[in-house]
Every structure is written in structure tokens, then in C-alpha cells.
Amino acid sequence: MRPRPRDLERRLLRARPSEVRDAAFRRVILQIPPGKVATYAQVAAAAGFPLYHRQVVQLLRRSGDALPWQRVVGAGGEIRLKRDMAREQRLRLEMEGVRFRGRRVIMEEHQHVFRTWEL
């Protein structure tokens, strides 16, 4: 019997920590140049773990300023952080030259395209 989508989602939420997966995420995040952004899902897919976008979020929370966390945004260029952290992310991105339309990054201009063969 095939697992239901909700069961699959629960399993992914409980995914065990993995140094291999986290190292792949770090490698991919470090490839995003200043002035460009990628979504959590794009980072996960480029690292070879396409359904693990929530684990990208968890890694960024644990990493602090060790990674350029401001360059990773939600789907459609939305800043998913709250209050002060959202303002800080936007400010950091604006300092790198990223432009916004309302509350979202203009993805047509600033979306980083991963070349997975270069990772």
C-alpha cells in the first residue's frame, strides 16, 4: 500500500539529523552569490534531497551567521521569518542589491539558478 501524502510529510518532519545531508545543504547555500536568492526547496533539490526543505530551515537556524542565511527565502521570494529577523533579512538583501516588489523578492531578477554539475 502506498503511503498517503500526509504520512509522508510526517515522516519527513521527523527526519533524523544527517551530517551528509547538512554538508550538502551547506555546500549549496555557499554557492549562492551576493545579490541572488534561492528558495528552501531549491536548496534542498540542488543538494540532492528534494523533499527536505524543512531541514534546510532547521540547518539555517542552527548555523547562525556561519552561512549566508539571508539569501534563502520562501517560495515565490517571500521572507518567511518574523518581525526583527524578517527586517534584518530584507535589509541584508537590499544591501546586496536585491530588489523587492512589496514583500517579495523580484525572483525574475534575483533567483539563483543552480548548476548541479558544478556543486
PDB file of N, CA and C in Angstrom:
ATOM      1  N   MET A   1       0.827  -1.174   0.000  1.00  0.00           N
ATOM      2  CA  MET A   1       0.000   0.000   0.000  1.00  0.00           C
ATOM      3  C   MET A   1       0.883   1.253   0.000  1.00  0.00           C
ATOM      4  N   ARG A   2       0.546   2.222  -0.841  1.00  0.00           N
ATOM      5  CA  ARG A   2       1.302   3.471  -0.934  1.00  0.00           C
ATOM      6  C   ARG A   2       1.025   4.360   0.267  1.00  0.00           C
ATOM      7  N   PRO A   3       2.076   5.003   0.792  1.00  0.00           N
ATOM      8  CA  PRO A   3       1.830   5.918   1.917  1.00  0.00           C
ATOM      9  C   PRO A   3       1.043   7.146   1.449  1.00  0.00           C
ATOM     10  N   ARG A   4       0.184   7.628   2.303  1.00  0.00           N
ATOM     11  CA  ARG A   4      -0.584   8.830   1.996  1.00  0.00           C
ATOM     12  C   ARG A   4       0.339  10.043   2.078  1.00  0.00           C
ATOM     13  N   PRO A   5       0.026  11.104   1.337  1.00  0.00           N
ATOM     14  CA  PRO A   5       0.875  12.300   1.372  1.00  0.00           C
ATOM     15  C   PRO A   5       1.087  12.836   2.784  1.00  0.00           C
ATOM     16  N   ARG A   6       0.069  12.807   3.597  1.00  0.00           N
ATOM     17  CA  ARG A   6       0.196  13.322   4.967  1.00  0.00           C
ATOM     18  C   ARG A   6       1.164  12.467   5.782  1.00  0.00           C
ATOM     19  N   ASP A   7       1.133  11.137   5.595  1.00  0.00           N
ATOM     20  CA  ASP A   7       2.057  10.253   6.302  1.00  0.00           C
ATOM     21  C   ASP A   7       3.493  10.516   5.857  1.00  0.00           C
ATOM     22  N   LEU A   8       3.667  10.734   4.581  1.00  0.00           N
ATOM     23  CA  LEU A   8       4.993  11.035   4.048  1.00  0.00           C
ATOM     24  C   LEU A   8       5.514  12.344   4.632  1.00  0.00           C
ATOM     25  N   GLU A   9       4.654  13.338   4.708  1.00  0.00           N
ATOM     26  CA  GLU A   9       5.039  14.624   5.282  1.00  0.00           C
ATOM     27  C   GLU A   9       5.452  14.468   6.741  1.00  0.00           C
ATOM     28  N   ARG A  10       4.711  13.687   7.503  1.00  0.00           N
ATOM     29  CA  ARG A  10       5.063  13.464   8.913  1.00  0.00           C
ATOM     30  C   ARG A  10       6.424  12.792   9.047  1.00  0.00           C
ATOM     31  N   ARG A  11       6.672  11.828   8.176  1.00  0.00           N
ATOM     32  CA  ARG A  11       7.958  11.134   8.211  1.00  0.00           C
ATOM     33  C   ARG A  11       9.112  12.099   7.916  1.00  0.00           C
ATOM     34  N   LEU A  12       8.907  12.994   6.957  1.00  0.00           N
ATOM     35  CA  LEU A  12       9.945  13.962   6.621  1.00  0.00           C
ATOM     36  C   LEU A  12      10.178  14.954   7.753  1.00  0.00           C
ATOM     37  N   LEU A  13       9.113  15.334   8.448  1.00  0.00           N
ATOM     38  CA  LEU A  13       9.264  16.249   9.575  1.00  0.00           C
ATOM     39  C   LEU A  13      10.100  15.621  10.685  1.00  0.00           C
ATOM     40  N   ARG A  14      10.033  14.304  10.802  1.00  0.00           N
ATOM     41  CA  ARG A  14      10.793  13.600  11.832  1.00  0.00           C
ATOM     42  C   ARG A  14      12.133  13.080  11.302  1.00  0.00           C
ATOM     43  N   ALA A  15      12.550  13.544  10.148  1.00  0.00           N
ATOM     44  CA  ALA A  15      13.791  13.046   9.559  1.00  0.00           C
ATOM     45  C   ALA A  15      14.945  13.220  10.544  1.00  0.00           C
ATOM     46  N   ARG A  16      15.709  12.175  10.682  1.00  0.00           N
ATOM     47  CA  ARG A  16      16.840  12.205  11.608  1.00  0.00           C
ATOM     48  C   ARG A  16      17.926  13.141  11.091  1.00  0.00           C
ATOM     49  N   PRO A  17      18.665  13.755  11.996  1.00  0.00           N
ATOM     50  CA  PRO A  17      19.783  14.599  11.562  1.00  0.00           C
ATOM     51  C   PRO A  17      20.779  13.769  10.752  1.00  0.00           C
ATOM     52  N   SER A  18      21.337  14.393   9.752  1.00  0.00           N
ATOM     53  CA  SER A  18      22.291  13.710   8.898  1.00  0.00           C
ATOM     54  C   SER A  18      23.418  14.672   8.538  1.00  0.00           C
ATOM     55  N   GLU A  19      24.634  14.317   8.914  1.00  0.00           N
ATOM     56  CA  GLU A  19      25.793  15.156   8.591  1.00  0.00           C
ATOM     57  C   GLU A  19      26.012  15.235   7.078  1.00  0.00           C
ATOM     58  N   VAL A  20      25.748  14.143   6.374  1.00  0.00           N
ATOM     59  CA  VAL A  20      25.921  14.134   4.913  1.00  0.00           C
ATOM     60  C   VAL A  20      24.942  15.115   4.276  1.00  0.00           C
ATOM     61  N   ARG A  21      23.686  15.045   4.696  1.00  0.00           N
ATOM     62  CA  ARG A  21      22.663  15.935   4.147  1.00  0.00           C
ATOM     63  C   ARG A  21      22.976  17.389   4.505  1.00  0.00           C
ATOM     64  N   ASP A  22      23.338  17.652   5.753  1.00  0.00           N
ATOM     65  CA  ASP A  22      23.651  19.020   6.164  1.00  0.00           C
ATOM     66  C   ASP A  22      24.860  19.567   5.418  1.00  0.00           C
ATOM     67  N   ALA A  23      25.870  18.737   5.199  1.00  0.00           N
ATOM     68  CA  ALA A  23      27.045  19.183   4.441  1.00  0.00           C
ATOM     69  C   ALA A  23      26.660  19.532   3.007  1.00  0.00           C
ATOM     70  N   ALA A  24      25.773  18.742   2.407  1.00  0.00           N
ATOM     71  CA  ALA A  24      25.304  19.031   1.049  1.00  0.00           C
ATOM     72  C   ALA A  24      24.539  20.350   1.028  1.00  0.00           C
ATOM     73  N   PHE A  25      23.693  20.590   2.022  1.00  0.00           N
ATOM     74  CA  PHE A  25      22.961  21.862   2.100  1.00  0.00           C
ATOM     75  C   PHE A  25      23.931  23.032   2.232  1.00  0.00           C
ATOM     76  N   ARG A  26      24.939  22.882   3.109  1.00  0.00           N
ATOM     77  CA  ARG A  26      25.916  23.961   3.301  1.00  0.00           C
ATOM     78  C   ARG A  26      26.637  24.286   1.995  1.00  0.00           C
ATOM     79  N   ARG A  27      27.068  23.255   1.299  1.00  0.00           N
ATOM     80  CA  ARG A  27      27.775  23.436   0.029  1.00  0.00           C
ATOM     81  C   ARG A  27      26.921  24.227  -0.960  1.00  0.00           C
ATOM     82  N   VAL A  28      25.651  23.876  -1.041  1.00  0.00           N
ATOM     83  CA  VAL A  28      24.741  24.535  -1.983  1.00  0.00           C
ATOM     84  C   VAL A  28      24.488  25.987  -1.561  1.00  0.00           C
ATOM     85  N   ILE A  29      24.237  26.229  -0.293  1.00  0.00           N
ATOM     86  CA  ILE A  29      23.965  27.586   0.182  1.00  0.00           C
ATOM     87  C   ILE A  29      25.157  28.493  -0.066  1.00  0.00           C
ATOM     88  N   LEU A  30      26.352  27.971   0.128  1.00  0.00           N
ATOM     89  CA  LEU A  30      27.555  28.779  -0.098  1.00  0.00           C
ATOM     90  C   LEU A  30      27.767  29.120  -1.573  1.00  0.00           C
ATOM     91  N   GLN A  31      27.085  28.436  -2.466  1.00  0.00           N
ATOM     92  CA  GLN A  31      27.184  28.716  -3.903  1.00  0.00           C
ATOM     93  C   GLN A  31      26.319  29.898  -4.336  1.00  0.00           C
ATOM     94  N   ILE A  32      25.392  30.340  -3.495  1.00  0.00           N
ATOM     95  CA  ILE A  32      24.507  31.452  -3.864  1.00  0.00           C
ATOM     96  C   ILE A  32      25.304  32.749  -3.747  1.00  0.00           C
ATOM     97  N   PRO A  33      25.503  33.462  -4.860  1.00  0.00           N
ATOM     98  CA  PRO A  33      26.319  34.685  -4.810  1.00  0.00           C
ATOM     99  C   PRO A  33      25.553  35.870  -4.228  1.00  0.00           C
ATOM    100  N   PRO A  34      26.271  36.890  -3.787  1.00  0.00           N
ATOM    101  CA  PRO A  34      25.598  38.108  -3.317  1.00  0.00           C
ATOM    102  C   PRO A  34      24.695  38.675  -4.414  1.00  0.00           C
ATOM    103  N   GLY A  35      23.535  39.159  -4.011  1.00  0.00           N
ATOM    104  CA  GLY A  35      22.599  39.723  -4.969  1.00  0.00           C
ATOM    105  C   GLY A  35      21.657  38.705  -5.582  1.00  0.00           C
ATOM    106  N   LYS A  36      21.791  37.441  -5.195  1.00  0.00           N
ATOM    107  CA  LYS A  36      20.923  36.379  -5.692  1.00  0.00           C
ATOM    108  C   LYS A  36      20.286  35.676  -4.504  1.00  0.00           C
ATOM    109  N   VAL A  37      19.159  35.015  -4.750  1.00  0.00           N
ATOM    110  CA  VAL A  37      18.472  34.251  -3.720  1.00  0.00           C
ATOM    111  C   VAL A  37      18.027  32.912  -4.281  1.00  0.00           C
ATOM    112  N   ALA A  38      17.731  32.000  -3.383  1.00  0.00           N
ATOM    113  CA  ALA A  38      17.158  30.698  -3.755  1.00  0.00           C
ATOM    114  C   ALA A  38      16.129  30.349  -2.692  1.00  0.00           C
ATOM    115  N   THR A  39      15.184  29.523  -3.059  1.00  0.00           N
ATOM    116  CA  THR A  39      14.170  29.101  -2.092  1.00  0.00           C
ATOM    117  C   THR A  39      14.696  27.904  -1.300  1.00  0.00           C
ATOM    118  N   TYR A  40      14.050  27.650  -0.178  1.00  0.00           N
ATOM    119  CA  TYR A  40      14.416  26.491   0.633  1.00  0.00           C
ATOM    120  C   TYR A  40      14.310  25.214  -0.196  1.00  0.00           C
ATOM    121  N   ALA A  41      13.267  25.108  -0.991  1.00  0.00           N
ATOM    122  CA  ALA A  41      13.061  23.913  -1.817  1.00  0.00           C
ATOM    123  C   ALA A  41      14.135  23.785  -2.887  1.00  0.00           C
ATOM    124  N   GLN A  42      14.566  24.894  -3.475  1.00  0.00           N
ATOM    125  CA  GLN A  42      15.626  24.843  -4.486  1.00  0.00           C
ATOM    126  C   GLN A  42      16.943  24.386  -3.879  1.00  0.00           C
ATOM    127  N   VAL A  43      17.236  24.858  -2.683  1.00  0.00           N
ATOM    128  CA  VAL A  43      18.462  24.432  -1.999  1.00  0.00           C
ATOM    129  C   VAL A  43      18.416  22.933  -1.743  1.00  0.00           C
ATOM    130  N   ALA A  44      17.294  22.456  -1.225  1.00  0.00           N
ATOM    131  CA  ALA A  44      17.163  21.026  -0.925  1.00  0.00           C
ATOM    132  C   ALA A  44      17.306  20.195  -2.195  1.00  0.00           C
ATOM    133  N   ALA A  45      16.658  20.607  -3.274  1.00  0.00           N
ATOM    134  CA  ALA A  45      16.723  19.857  -4.530  1.00  0.00           C
ATOM    135  C   ALA A  45      18.135  19.874  -5.109  1.00  0.00           C
ATOM    136  N   ALA A  46      18.790  21.026  -5.094  1.00  0.00           N
ATOM    137  CA  ALA A  46      20.147  21.115  -5.641  1.00  0.00           C
ATOM    138  C   ALA A  46      21.130  20.266  -4.837  1.00  0.00           C
ATOM    139  N   ALA A  47      20.836  20.081  -3.551  1.00  0.00           N
ATOM    140  CA  ALA A  47      21.702  19.256  -2.694  1.00  0.00           C
ATOM    141  C   ALA A  47      21.430  17.764  -2.869  1.00  0.00           C
ATOM    142  N   GLY A  48      20.357  17.434  -3.603  1.00  0.00           N
ATOM    143  CA  GLY A  48      20.035  16.032  -3.817  1.00  0.00           C
ATOM    144  C   GLY A  48      19.004  15.475  -2.856  1.00  0.00           C
ATOM    145  N   PHE A  49      18.327  16.351  -2.126  1.00  0.00           N
ATOM    146  CA  PHE A  49      17.305  15.947  -1.160  1.00  0.00           C
ATOM    147  C   PHE A  49      16.038  16.748  -1.418  1.00  0.00           C
ATOM    148  N   PRO A  50      15.343  16.492  -2.520  1.00  0.00           N
ATOM    149  CA  PRO A  50      14.271  17.387  -2.969  1.00  0.00           C
ATOM    150  C   PRO A  50      13.086  17.575  -2.034  1.00  0.00           C
ATOM    151  N   LEU A  51      12.830  16.702  -1.115  1.00  0.00           N
ATOM    152  CA  LEU A  51      11.673  16.870  -0.231  1.00  0.00           C
ATOM    153  C   LEU A  51      12.054  17.390   1.157  1.00  0.00           C
ATOM    154  N   TYR A  52      13.274  17.819   1.331  1.00  0.00           N
ATOM    155  CA  TYR A  52      13.779  18.155   2.661  1.00  0.00           C
ATOM    156  C   TYR A  52      13.935  19.663   2.886  1.00  0.00           C
ATOM    157  N   HIS A  53      13.028  20.474   2.340  1.00  0.00           N
ATOM    158  CA  HIS A  53      13.140  21.918   2.501  1.00  0.00           C
ATOM    159  C   HIS A  53      13.018  22.352   3.968  1.00  0.00           C
ATOM    160  N   ARG A  54      12.272  21.624   4.757  1.00  0.00           N
ATOM    161  CA  ARG A  54      12.156  21.989   6.175  1.00  0.00           C
ATOM    162  C   ARG A  54      13.475  21.772   6.918  1.00  0.00           C
ATOM    163  N   GLN A  55      14.241  20.783   6.475  1.00  0.00           N
ATOM    164  CA  GLN A  55      15.541  20.553   7.100  1.00  0.00           C
ATOM    165  C   GLN A  55      16.534  21.654   6.720  1.00  0.00           C
ATOM    166  N   VAL A  56      16.345  22.278   5.565  1.00  0.00           N
ATOM    167  CA  VAL A  56      17.166  23.437   5.197  1.00  0.00           C
ATOM    168  C   VAL A  56      16.910  24.555   6.206  1.00  0.00           C
ATOM    169  N   VAL A  57      15.649  24.790   6.526  1.00  0.00           N
ATOM    170  CA  VAL A  57      15.280  25.805   7.516  1.00  0.00           C
ATOM    171  C   VAL A  57      15.946  25.497   8.858  1.00  0.00           C
ATOM    172  N   GLN A  58      15.877  24.254   9.288  1.00  0.00           N
ATOM    173  CA  GLN A  58      16.465  23.869  10.571  1.00  0.00           C
ATOM    174  C   GLN A  58      17.973  24.084  10.580  1.00  0.00           C
ATOM    175  N   LEU A  59      18.632  23.738   9.485  1.00  0.00           N
ATOM    176  CA  LEU A  59      20.082  23.942   9.392  1.00  0.00           C
ATOM    177  C   LEU A  59      20.420  25.426   9.491  1.00  0.00           C
ATOM    178  N   LEU A  60      19.680  26.257   8.783  1.00  0.00           N
ATOM    179  CA  LEU A  60      19.951  27.692   8.824  1.00  0.00           C
ATOM    180  C   LEU A  60      19.736  28.257  10.225  1.00  0.00           C
ATOM    181  N   ARG A  61      18.758  27.767  10.944  1.00  0.00           N
ATOM    182  CA  ARG A  61      18.526  28.225  12.323  1.00  0.00           C
ATOM    183  C   ARG A  61      19.701  27.869  13.217  1.00  0.00           C
ATOM    184  N   ARG A  62      20.239  26.672  13.023  1.00  0.00           N
ATOM    185  CA  ARG A  62      21.361  26.215  13.864  1.00  0.00           C
ATOM    186  C   ARG A  62      22.674  26.888  13.495  1.00  0.00           C
ATOM    187  N   SER A  63      22.807  27.325  12.250  1.00  0.00           N
ATOM    188  CA  SER A  63      24.098  27.809  11.750  1.00  0.00           C
ATOM    189  C   SER A  63      24.410  29.252  12.096  1.00  0.00           C
ATOM    190  N   GLY A  64      23.421  30.031  12.443  1.00  0.00           N
ATOM    191  CA  GLY A  64      23.672  31.438  12.747  1.00  0.00           C
ATOM    192  C   GLY A  64      24.252  32.151  11.535  1.00  0.00           C
ATOM    193  N   ASP A  65      25.293  32.939  11.770  1.00  0.00           N
ATOM    194  CA  ASP A  65      25.905  33.700  10.678  1.00  0.00           C
ATOM    195  C   ASP A  65      27.002  32.930   9.955  1.00  0.00           C
ATOM    196  N   ALA A  66      27.139  31.648  10.222  1.00  0.00           N
ATOM    197  CA  ALA A  66      28.159  30.847   9.534  1.00  0.00           C
ATOM    198  C   ALA A  66      27.823  30.653   8.053  1.00  0.00           C
ATOM    199  N   LEU A  67      26.555  30.809   7.702  1.00  0.00           N
ATOM    200  CA  LEU A  67      26.103  30.680   6.314  1.00  0.00           C
ATOM    201  C   LEU A  67      25.386  31.961   5.910  1.00  0.00           C
ATOM    202  N   PRO A  68      25.356  32.276   4.609  1.00  0.00           N
ATOM    203  CA  PRO A  68      24.612  33.460   4.160  1.00  0.00           C
ATOM    204  C   PRO A  68      23.106  33.192   4.159  1.00  0.00           C
ATOM    205  N   TRP A  69      22.525  33.077   5.328  1.00  0.00           N
ATOM    206  CA  TRP A  69      21.130  32.680   5.515  1.00  0.00           C
ATOM    207  C   TRP A  69      20.161  33.631   4.842  1.00  0.00           C
ATOM    208  N   GLN A  70      20.550  34.896   4.700  1.00  0.00           N
ATOM    209  CA  GLN A  70      19.638  35.881   4.126  1.00  0.00           C
ATOM    210  C   GLN A  70      19.329  35.591   2.660  1.00  0.00           C
ATOM    211  N   ARG A  71      20.144  34.800   1.994  1.00  0.00           N
ATOM    212  CA  ARG A  71      19.956  34.509   0.569  1.00  0.00           C
ATOM    213  C   ARG A  71      19.000  33.346   0.320  1.00  0.00           C
ATOM    214  N   VAL A  72      18.438  32.774   1.367  1.00  0.00           N
ATOM    215  CA  VAL A  72      17.492  31.672   1.217  1.00  0.00           C
ATOM    216  C   VAL A  72      16.125  32.170   1.689  1.00  0.00           C
ATOM    217  N   VAL A  73      15.158  32.105   0.781  1.00  0.00           N
ATOM    218  CA  VAL A  73      13.827  32.659   1.046  1.00  0.00           C
ATOM    219  C   VAL A  73      12.762  31.594   0.813  1.00  0.00           C
ATOM    220  N   GLY A  74      11.537  31.940   1.155  1.00  0.00           N
ATOM    221  CA  GLY A  74      10.420  31.033   0.941  1.00  0.00           C
ATOM    222  C   GLY A  74       9.987  31.018  -0.518  1.00  0.00           C
ATOM    223  N   ALA A  75       9.025  30.181  -0.813  1.00  0.00           N
ATOM    224  CA  ALA A  75       8.510  30.043  -2.175  1.00  0.00           C
ATOM    225  C   ALA A  75       8.034  31.396  -2.694  1.00  0.00           C
ATOM    226  N   GLY A  76       8.339  31.671  -3.927  1.00  0.00           N
ATOM    227  CA  GLY A  76       7.914  32.915  -4.549  1.00  0.00           C
ATOM    228  C   GLY A  76       8.682  34.133  -4.087  1.00  0.00           C
ATOM    229  N   GLY A  77       9.785  33.930  -3.377  1.00  0.00           N
ATOM    230  CA  GLY A  77      10.597  35.049  -2.918  1.00  0.00           C
ATOM    231  C   GLY A  77      10.137  35.672  -1.616  1.00  0.00           C
ATOM    232  N   GLU A  78       9.256  35.002  -0.916  1.00  0.00           N
ATOM    233  CA  GLU A  78       8.715  35.541   0.325  1.00  0.00           C
ATOM    234  C   GLU A  78       9.681  35.346   1.490  1.00  0.00           C
ATOM    235  N   ILE A  79       9.850  36.383   2.270  1.00  0.00           N
ATOM    236  CA  ILE A  79      10.630  36.267   3.504  1.00  0.00           C
ATOM    237  C   ILE A  79       9.729  35.606   4.536  1.00  0.00           C
ATOM    238  N   ARG A  80      10.136  34.446   5.008  1.00  0.00           N
ATOM    239  CA  ARG A  80       9.299  33.646   5.905  1.00  0.00           C
ATOM    240  C   ARG A  80       9.602  33.903   7.383  1.00  0.00           C
ATOM    241  N   LEU A  81      10.632  34.657   7.677  1.00  0.00           N
ATOM    242  CA  LEU A  81      10.964  34.957   9.067  1.00  0.00           C
ATOM    243  C   LEU A  81       9.977  35.970   9.624  1.00  0.00           C
ATOM    244  N   LYS A  82       9.996  36.146  10.911  1.00  0.00           N
ATOM    245  CA  LYS A  82       9.055  37.045  11.588  1.00  0.00           C
ATOM    246  C   LYS A  82       9.782  38.249  12.188  1.00  0.00           C
ATOM    247  N   ARG A  83       9.076  39.350  12.292  1.00  0.00           N
ATOM    248  CA  ARG A  83       9.460  40.583  12.970  1.00  0.00           C
ATOM    249  C   ARG A  83      10.882  41.061  12.685  1.00  0.00           C
ATOM    250  N   ASP A  84      11.715  41.134  13.722  1.00  0.00           N
ATOM    251  CA  ASP A  84      13.064  41.691  13.580  1.00  0.00           C
ATOM    252  C   ASP A  84      13.921  40.891  12.612  1.00  0.00           C
ATOM    253  N   MET A  85      13.795  39.580  12.652  1.00  0.00           N
ATOM    254  CA  MET A  85      14.608  38.758  11.745  1.00  0.00           C
ATOM    255  C   MET A  85      14.191  38.989  10.291  1.00  0.00           C
ATOM    256  N   ALA A  86      12.909  39.200  10.040  1.00  0.00           N
ATOM    257  CA  ALA A  86      12.434  39.487   8.686  1.00  0.00           C
ATOM    258  C   ALA A  86      12.998  40.823   8.213  1.00  0.00           C
ATOM    259  N   ARG A  87      12.989  41.815   9.089  1.00  0.00           N
ATOM    260  CA  ARG A  87      13.541  43.131   8.723  1.00  0.00           C
ATOM    261  C   ARG A  87      15.033  43.028   8.460  1.00  0.00           C
ATOM    262  N   GLU A  88      15.727  42.251   9.295  1.00  0.00           N
ATOM    263  CA  GLU A  88      17.172  42.090   9.094  1.00  0.00           C
ATOM    264  C   GLU A  88      17.470  41.388   7.774  1.00  0.00           C
ATOM    265  N   GLN A  89      16.697  40.342   7.441  1.00  0.00           N
ATOM    266  CA  GLN A  89      16.916  39.633   6.189  1.00  0.00           C
ATOM    267  C   GLN A  89      16.698  40.573   5.000  1.00  0.00           C
ATOM    268  N   ARG A  90      15.627  41.327   5.040  1.00  0.00           N
ATOM    269  CA  ARG A  90      15.352  42.261   3.946  1.00  0.00           C
ATOM    270  C   ARG A  90      16.465  43.295   3.833  1.00  0.00           C
ATOM    271  N   LEU A  91      16.897  43.858   4.942  1.00  0.00           N
ATOM    272  CA  LEU A  91      17.963  44.857   4.930  1.00  0.00           C
ATOM    273  C   LEU A  91      19.246  44.278   4.347  1.00  0.00           C
ATOM    274  N   ARG A  92      19.606  43.073   4.784  1.00  0.00           N
ATOM    275  CA  ARG A  92      20.819  42.435   4.258  1.00  0.00           C
ATOM    276  C   ARG A  92      20.721  42.210   2.755  1.00  0.00           C
ATOM    277  N   LEU A  93      19.558  41.758   2.301  1.00  0.00           N
ATOM    278  CA  LEU A  93      19.373  41.534   0.865  1.00  0.00           C
ATOM    279  C   LEU A  93      19.415  42.853   0.095  1.00  0.00           C
ATOM    280  N   GLU A  94      18.778  43.887   0.620  1.00  0.00           N
ATOM    281  CA  GLU A  94      18.815  45.192  -0.049  1.00  0.00           C
ATOM    282  C   GLU A  94      20.245  45.724  -0.131  1.00  0.00           C
ATOM    283  N   MET A  95      21.045  45.471   0.898  1.00  0.00           N
ATOM    284  CA  MET A  95      22.443  45.903   0.871  1.00  0.00           C
ATOM    285  C   MET A  95      23.235  45.171  -0.204  1.00  0.00           C
ATOM    286  N   GLU A  96      22.782  43.983  -0.592  1.00  0.00           N
ATOM    287  CA  GLU A  96      23.425  43.221  -1.661  1.00  0.00           C
ATOM    288  C   GLU A  96      22.860  43.586  -3.033  1.00  0.00           C
ATOM    289  N   GLY A  97      21.878  44.501  -3.073  1.00  0.00           N
ATOM    290  CA  GLY A  97      21.309  44.934  -4.338  1.00  0.00           C
ATOM    291  C   GLY A  97      20.043  44.211  -4.756  1.00  0.00           C
ATOM    292  N   VAL A  98      19.488  43.393  -3.874  1.00  0.00           N
ATOM    293  CA  VAL A  98      18.262  42.662  -4.192  1.00  0.00           C
ATOM    294  C   VAL A  98      17.085  43.627  -4.082  1.00  0.00           C
ATOM    295  N   ARG A  99      16.218  43.593  -5.097  1.00  0.00           N
ATOM    296  CA  ARG A  99      15.047  44.471  -5.113  1.00  0.00           C
ATOM    297  C   ARG A  99      13.789  43.679  -4.767  1.00  0.00           C
ATOM    298  N   PHE A 100      12.820  44.384  -4.219  1.00  0.00           N
ATOM    299  CA  PHE A 100      11.576  43.779  -3.769  1.00  0.00           C
ATOM    300  C   PHE A 100      10.386  44.385  -4.502  1.00  0.00           C
ATOM    301  N   ARG A 101       9.363  43.584  -4.653  1.00  0.00           N
ATOM    302  CA  ARG A 101       8.054  44.052  -5.106  1.00  0.00           C
ATOM    303  C   ARG A 101       7.117  43.759  -3.935  1.00  0.00           C
ATOM    304  N   GLY A 102       6.786  44.812  -3.208  1.00  0.00           N
ATOM    305  CA  GLY A 102       6.006  44.605  -1.989  1.00  0.00           C
ATOM    306  C   GLY A 102       6.853  43.882  -0.960  1.00  0.00           C
ATOM    307  N   ARG A 103       6.378  42.729  -0.528  1.00  0.00           N
ATOM    308  CA  ARG A 103       7.095  41.962   0.491  1.00  0.00           C
ATOM    309  C   ARG A 103       7.905  40.813  -0.083  1.00  0.00           C
ATOM    310  N   ARG A 104       7.958  40.720  -1.417  1.00  0.00           N
ATOM    311  CA  ARG A 104       8.644  39.584  -2.053  1.00  0.00           C
ATOM    312  C   ARG A 104       9.827  40.039  -2.892  1.00  0.00           C
ATOM    313  N   VAL A 105      10.832  39.203  -2.931  1.00  0.00           N
ATOM    314  CA  VAL A 105      11.976  39.429  -3.808  1.00  0.00           C
ATOM    315  C   VAL A 105      11.487  39.315  -5.254  1.00  0.00           C
ATOM    316  N   ILE A 106      12.009  40.158  -6.125  1.00  0.00           N
ATOM    317  CA  ILE A 106      11.689  40.043  -7.547  1.00  0.00           C
ATOM    318  C   ILE A 106      12.505  38.872  -8.082  1.00  0.00           C
ATOM    319  N   MET A 107      11.899  37.703  -8.096  1.00  0.00           N
ATOM    320  CA  MET A 107      12.610  36.465  -8.427  1.00  0.00           C
ATOM    321  C   MET A 107      13.111  36.448  -9.869  1.00  0.00           C
ATOM    322  N   GLU A 108      12.405  37.124 -10.784  1.00  0.00           N
ATOM    323  CA  GLU A 108      12.846  37.141 -12.179  1.00  0.00           C
ATOM    324  C   GLU A 108      14.240  37.752 -12.310  1.00  0.00           C
ATOM    325  N   GLU A 109      14.579  38.656 -11.406  1.00  0.00           N
ATOM    326  CA  GLU A 109      15.877  39.329 -11.449  1.00  0.00           C
ATOM    327  C   GLU A 109      16.924  38.674 -10.558  1.00  0.00           C
ATOM    328  N   HIS A 110      16.495  38.109  -9.465  1.00  0.00           N
ATOM    329  CA  HIS A 110      17.457  37.719  -8.434  1.00  0.00           C
ATOM    330  C   HIS A 110      17.521  36.233  -8.109  1.00  0.00           C
ATOM    331  N   GLN A 111      16.757  35.406  -8.799  1.00  0.00           N
ATOM    332  CA  GLN A 111      16.779  33.979  -8.491  1.00  0.00           C
ATOM    333  C   GLN A 111      18.076  33.346  -8.994  1.00  0.00           C
ATOM    334  N   HIS A 112      18.753  32.669  -8.102  1.00  0.00           N
ATOM    335  CA  HIS A 112      19.972  31.951  -8.488  1.00  0.00           C
ATOM    336  C   HIS A 112      19.587  30.633  -9.144  1.00  0.00           C
ATOM    337  N   VAL A 113      20.234  30.337 -10.246  1.00  0.00           N
ATOM    338  CA  VAL A 113      19.995  29.070 -10.933  1.00  0.00           C
ATOM    339  C   VAL A 113      21.178  28.166 -10.623  1.00  0.00           C
ATOM    340  N   PHE A 114      20.902  27.063  -9.979  1.00  0.00           N
ATOM    341  CA  PHE A 114      21.965  26.135  -9.602  1.00  0.00           C
ATOM    342  C   PHE A 114      22.379  25.317 -10.808  1.00  0.00           C
ATOM    343  N   ARG A 115      23.652  25.178 -10.974  1.00  0.00           N
ATOM    344  CA  ARG A 115      24.215  24.275 -11.976  1.00  0.00           C
ATOM    345  C   ARG A 115      24.752  23.099 -11.186  1.00  0.00           C
ATOM    346  N   THR A 116      23.908  22.098 -11.039  1.00  0.00           N
ATOM    347  CA  THR A 116      24.232  20.998 -10.123  1.00  0.00           C
ATOM    348  C   THR A 116      25.515  20.274 -10.505  1.00  0.00           C
ATOM    349  N   TRP A 117      25.911  20.331 -11.751  1.00  0.00           N
ATOM    350  CA  TRP A 117      27.155  19.668 -12.160  1.00  0.00           C
ATOM    351  C   TRP A 117      28.380  20.418 -11.645  1.00  0.00           C
ATOM    352  N   GLU A 118      28.180  21.653 -11.156  1.00  0.00           N
ATOM    353  CA  GLU A 118      29.305  22.428 -10.602  1.00  0.00           C
ATOM    354  C   GLU A 118      29.407  22.324  -9.093  1.00  0.00           C
ATOM    355  N   LEU A 119      28.421  21.729  -8.461  1.00  0.00           N
ATOM    356  CA  LEU A 119      28.420  21.671  -6.995  1.00  0.00           C
ATOM    357  C   LEU A 119      29.391  20.672  -6.463  1.00  0.00           C
TER     358      LEU A 119
END
